[in-house]
N, C-alpha and C. Protein backbone atom coordinates (compact mmCIF):
# COMPACT_ATOMS: atom_id res chain seq x y z
N UNK A 1 17.32 42.66 99.43
CA UNK A 1 17.95 42.15 100.64
C UNK A 1 16.94 41.97 101.77
N UNK A 2 15.73 42.52 101.62
CA UNK A 2 14.70 42.30 102.63
C UNK A 2 13.36 42.01 101.96
N UNK A 3 12.40 41.55 102.74
CA UNK A 3 11.11 41.14 102.17
C UNK A 3 10.30 42.31 101.61
N UNK A 4 10.60 43.52 102.04
CA UNK A 4 9.89 44.69 101.52
C UNK A 4 10.57 45.28 100.28
N UNK A 5 11.70 44.74 99.90
CA UNK A 5 12.48 45.21 98.75
C UNK A 5 12.91 46.67 98.90
N UNK A 6 13.21 47.07 100.12
CA UNK A 6 13.66 48.45 100.36
C UNK A 6 15.16 48.54 100.55
N UNK A 7 15.81 47.41 100.73
CA UNK A 7 17.26 47.36 100.85
C UNK A 7 17.76 46.50 99.70
N UNK A 8 18.73 47.01 98.95
CA UNK A 8 19.22 46.27 97.79
C UNK A 8 20.72 46.05 97.87
N UNK A 9 21.18 45.17 97.03
CA UNK A 9 22.60 44.88 96.89
C UNK A 9 22.82 44.58 95.42
N UNK A 10 23.90 45.06 94.85
CA UNK A 10 24.12 44.86 93.43
C UNK A 10 25.61 44.67 93.12
N UNK A 11 25.85 44.16 91.95
CA UNK A 11 27.21 43.97 91.46
C UNK A 11 27.28 44.55 90.04
N UNK A 12 28.46 44.97 89.64
CA UNK A 12 28.69 45.52 88.31
C UNK A 12 29.79 44.70 87.66
N UNK A 13 29.63 44.42 86.38
CA UNK A 13 30.62 43.65 85.65
C UNK A 13 31.03 44.40 84.39
N UNK A 14 32.33 44.46 84.13
CA UNK A 14 32.81 45.04 82.87
C UNK A 14 32.68 44.00 81.77
N UNK A 15 32.55 44.49 80.57
CA UNK A 15 32.56 43.62 79.41
C UNK A 15 33.86 43.90 78.68
N UNK A 16 34.87 43.10 78.97
CA UNK A 16 36.20 43.32 78.42
C UNK A 16 36.23 43.06 76.93
N UNK A 17 36.62 44.04 76.13
CA UNK A 17 36.67 43.81 74.68
C UNK A 17 37.88 42.96 74.31
N UNK A 18 37.68 42.13 73.30
CA UNK A 18 38.81 41.43 72.72
C UNK A 18 39.54 42.44 71.85
N UNK A 19 40.82 42.29 71.72
CA UNK A 19 41.61 43.24 70.96
C UNK A 19 41.06 43.38 69.54
N UNK A 20 40.72 44.60 69.17
CA UNK A 20 40.24 44.89 67.82
C UNK A 20 38.80 44.49 67.55
N UNK A 21 38.05 44.08 68.57
CA UNK A 21 36.67 43.66 68.40
C UNK A 21 35.77 44.41 69.38
N UNK A 22 34.47 44.26 69.18
CA UNK A 22 33.51 44.86 70.09
C UNK A 22 33.52 44.11 71.41
N UNK A 23 32.95 44.74 72.44
CA UNK A 23 32.92 44.09 73.75
C UNK A 23 32.05 42.85 73.72
N UNK A 24 32.34 41.94 74.60
CA UNK A 24 31.56 40.71 74.74
C UNK A 24 30.28 41.03 75.49
N UNK A 25 29.22 40.33 75.17
CA UNK A 25 27.95 40.53 75.86
C UNK A 25 27.80 39.65 77.09
N UNK A 26 28.69 38.68 77.23
CA UNK A 26 28.63 37.78 78.38
C UNK A 26 28.93 38.53 79.67
N UNK A 27 28.16 38.24 80.72
CA UNK A 27 28.45 38.81 82.03
C UNK A 27 29.58 37.96 82.62
N UNK A 28 30.74 38.57 82.76
CA UNK A 28 31.90 37.85 83.27
C UNK A 28 31.76 37.61 84.77
N UNK A 29 32.17 36.46 85.21
CA UNK A 29 32.14 36.07 86.62
C UNK A 29 30.73 36.09 87.21
N UNK A 30 29.73 35.78 86.39
CA UNK A 30 28.33 35.81 86.85
C UNK A 30 28.11 34.87 88.03
N UNK A 31 28.62 33.66 87.94
CA UNK A 31 28.44 32.69 89.04
C UNK A 31 28.96 33.25 90.35
N UNK A 32 30.14 33.85 90.33
CA UNK A 32 30.73 34.42 91.55
C UNK A 32 29.86 35.55 92.10
N UNK A 33 29.36 36.41 91.19
CA UNK A 33 28.52 37.53 91.64
C UNK A 33 27.24 37.03 92.30
N UNK A 34 26.60 36.03 91.70
CA UNK A 34 25.36 35.50 92.26
C UNK A 34 25.63 34.85 93.62
N UNK A 35 26.71 34.11 93.73
CA UNK A 35 27.06 33.50 95.02
C UNK A 35 27.27 34.57 96.09
N UNK A 36 27.98 35.65 95.75
CA UNK A 36 28.21 36.75 96.70
C UNK A 36 26.89 37.38 97.14
N UNK A 37 25.99 37.58 96.18
CA UNK A 37 24.70 38.19 96.50
C UNK A 37 23.84 37.27 97.36
N UNK A 38 23.88 35.97 97.10
CA UNK A 38 23.14 35.02 97.93
C UNK A 38 23.68 34.99 99.36
N UNK A 39 24.99 35.03 99.50
CA UNK A 39 25.60 35.06 100.84
C UNK A 39 25.22 36.34 101.56
N UNK A 40 25.26 37.47 100.87
CA UNK A 40 24.87 38.74 101.48
C UNK A 40 23.42 38.71 101.93
N UNK A 41 22.54 38.16 101.10
CA UNK A 41 21.13 38.06 101.47
C UNK A 41 20.97 37.17 102.70
N UNK A 42 21.62 36.03 102.69
CA UNK A 42 21.53 35.08 103.80
C UNK A 42 22.02 35.72 105.10
N UNK A 43 23.11 36.46 105.01
CA UNK A 43 23.67 37.13 106.18
C UNK A 43 22.71 38.17 106.74
N UNK A 44 22.02 38.87 105.86
CA UNK A 44 21.10 39.94 106.27
C UNK A 44 19.74 39.43 106.72
N UNK A 45 19.47 38.14 106.50
CA UNK A 45 18.15 37.59 106.78
C UNK A 45 18.20 36.34 107.65
N UNK A 46 19.02 36.39 108.68
CA UNK A 46 19.10 35.32 109.68
C UNK A 46 19.29 33.93 109.07
N UNK A 47 20.12 33.85 108.03
CA UNK A 47 20.44 32.56 107.44
C UNK A 47 19.43 32.05 106.43
N UNK A 48 18.43 32.85 106.09
CA UNK A 48 17.40 32.44 105.14
C UNK A 48 17.78 32.89 103.73
N UNK A 49 17.58 32.00 102.77
CA UNK A 49 17.80 32.35 101.37
C UNK A 49 16.48 32.83 100.75
N UNK A 50 16.55 33.57 99.65
CA UNK A 50 15.31 34.05 99.03
C UNK A 50 14.47 32.91 98.46
N UNK A 51 13.15 33.08 98.48
CA UNK A 51 12.26 32.08 97.90
C UNK A 51 12.17 32.24 96.38
N UNK A 52 12.32 33.47 95.90
CA UNK A 52 12.23 33.77 94.47
C UNK A 52 13.35 34.72 94.09
N UNK A 53 13.82 34.57 92.86
CA UNK A 53 14.85 35.46 92.34
C UNK A 53 14.42 35.90 90.95
N UNK A 54 14.50 37.20 90.69
CA UNK A 54 14.20 37.74 89.38
C UNK A 54 15.51 38.25 88.81
N UNK A 55 15.83 37.81 87.61
CA UNK A 55 17.09 38.17 86.96
C UNK A 55 16.77 38.93 85.68
N UNK A 56 17.10 40.21 85.63
CA UNK A 56 16.88 41.02 84.45
C UNK A 56 18.15 41.05 83.61
N UNK A 57 17.98 40.95 82.31
CA UNK A 57 19.14 40.96 81.42
C UNK A 57 18.82 41.81 80.20
N UNK A 58 19.72 42.67 79.82
CA UNK A 58 19.51 43.56 78.68
C UNK A 58 20.81 43.66 77.88
N UNK A 59 20.70 44.10 76.64
CA UNK A 59 21.87 44.42 75.86
C UNK A 59 22.44 43.32 74.99
N UNK A 60 21.68 42.24 74.78
CA UNK A 60 22.17 41.14 73.96
C UNK A 60 21.44 41.18 72.62
N UNK A 61 22.21 41.21 71.52
CA UNK A 61 21.54 41.24 70.22
C UNK A 61 21.07 39.84 69.83
N UNK A 62 20.19 39.78 68.86
CA UNK A 62 19.57 38.52 68.46
C UNK A 62 20.59 37.45 68.07
N UNK A 63 21.68 37.85 67.44
CA UNK A 63 22.69 36.90 66.99
C UNK A 63 23.46 36.24 68.12
N UNK A 64 23.48 36.86 69.29
CA UNK A 64 24.22 36.31 70.43
C UNK A 64 23.31 35.74 71.51
N UNK A 65 21.99 35.91 71.34
CA UNK A 65 21.06 35.57 72.41
C UNK A 65 21.18 34.13 72.90
N UNK A 66 21.15 33.17 71.99
CA UNK A 66 21.17 31.77 72.40
C UNK A 66 22.45 31.41 73.15
N UNK A 67 23.58 31.86 72.63
CA UNK A 67 24.88 31.56 73.28
C UNK A 67 24.93 32.18 74.68
N UNK A 68 24.52 33.43 74.81
CA UNK A 68 24.54 34.12 76.10
C UNK A 68 23.55 33.47 77.05
N UNK A 69 22.35 33.22 76.57
CA UNK A 69 21.30 32.61 77.39
C UNK A 69 21.77 31.27 77.95
N UNK A 70 22.27 30.42 77.09
CA UNK A 70 22.70 29.09 77.52
C UNK A 70 23.84 29.17 78.54
N UNK A 71 24.82 30.01 78.30
CA UNK A 71 25.95 30.13 79.24
C UNK A 71 25.55 30.73 80.57
N UNK A 72 24.74 31.78 80.56
CA UNK A 72 24.39 32.45 81.81
C UNK A 72 23.39 31.64 82.63
N UNK A 73 22.50 30.92 81.98
CA UNK A 73 21.57 30.07 82.73
C UNK A 73 22.34 28.97 83.45
N UNK A 74 23.34 28.41 82.80
CA UNK A 74 24.19 27.39 83.44
C UNK A 74 24.90 28.00 84.66
N UNK A 75 25.46 29.20 84.51
CA UNK A 75 26.13 29.87 85.63
C UNK A 75 25.17 30.14 86.79
N UNK A 76 23.96 30.57 86.46
CA UNK A 76 22.96 30.82 87.51
C UNK A 76 22.63 29.54 88.26
N UNK A 77 22.40 28.46 87.53
CA UNK A 77 22.07 27.18 88.18
C UNK A 77 23.21 26.69 89.07
N UNK A 78 24.44 26.85 88.60
CA UNK A 78 25.61 26.45 89.41
C UNK A 78 25.67 27.28 90.69
N UNK A 79 25.43 28.57 90.59
CA UNK A 79 25.47 29.44 91.77
C UNK A 79 24.39 29.05 92.77
N UNK A 80 23.21 28.70 92.28
CA UNK A 80 22.12 28.34 93.18
C UNK A 80 22.37 27.01 93.90
N UNK A 81 23.16 26.14 93.27
CA UNK A 81 23.48 24.86 93.92
C UNK A 81 24.36 25.09 95.12
């Protein structure tokens, strides 16, 4: 939330399981979360948006990687627009 990276803001998302199956690896409502975080950053920094964003992602197995990657990258790009 600041240029020194001493103030942070975060969101948590549940992975709702389908009935009788393992939980989904997709981050639900990712676009909404990113938009909220960008607005919070802008509010805390006199209307300025960040120049760089680092997005860490963990917990996706090899069989789901491409599907998750493609869907979440699209959500990130939509949020940034």
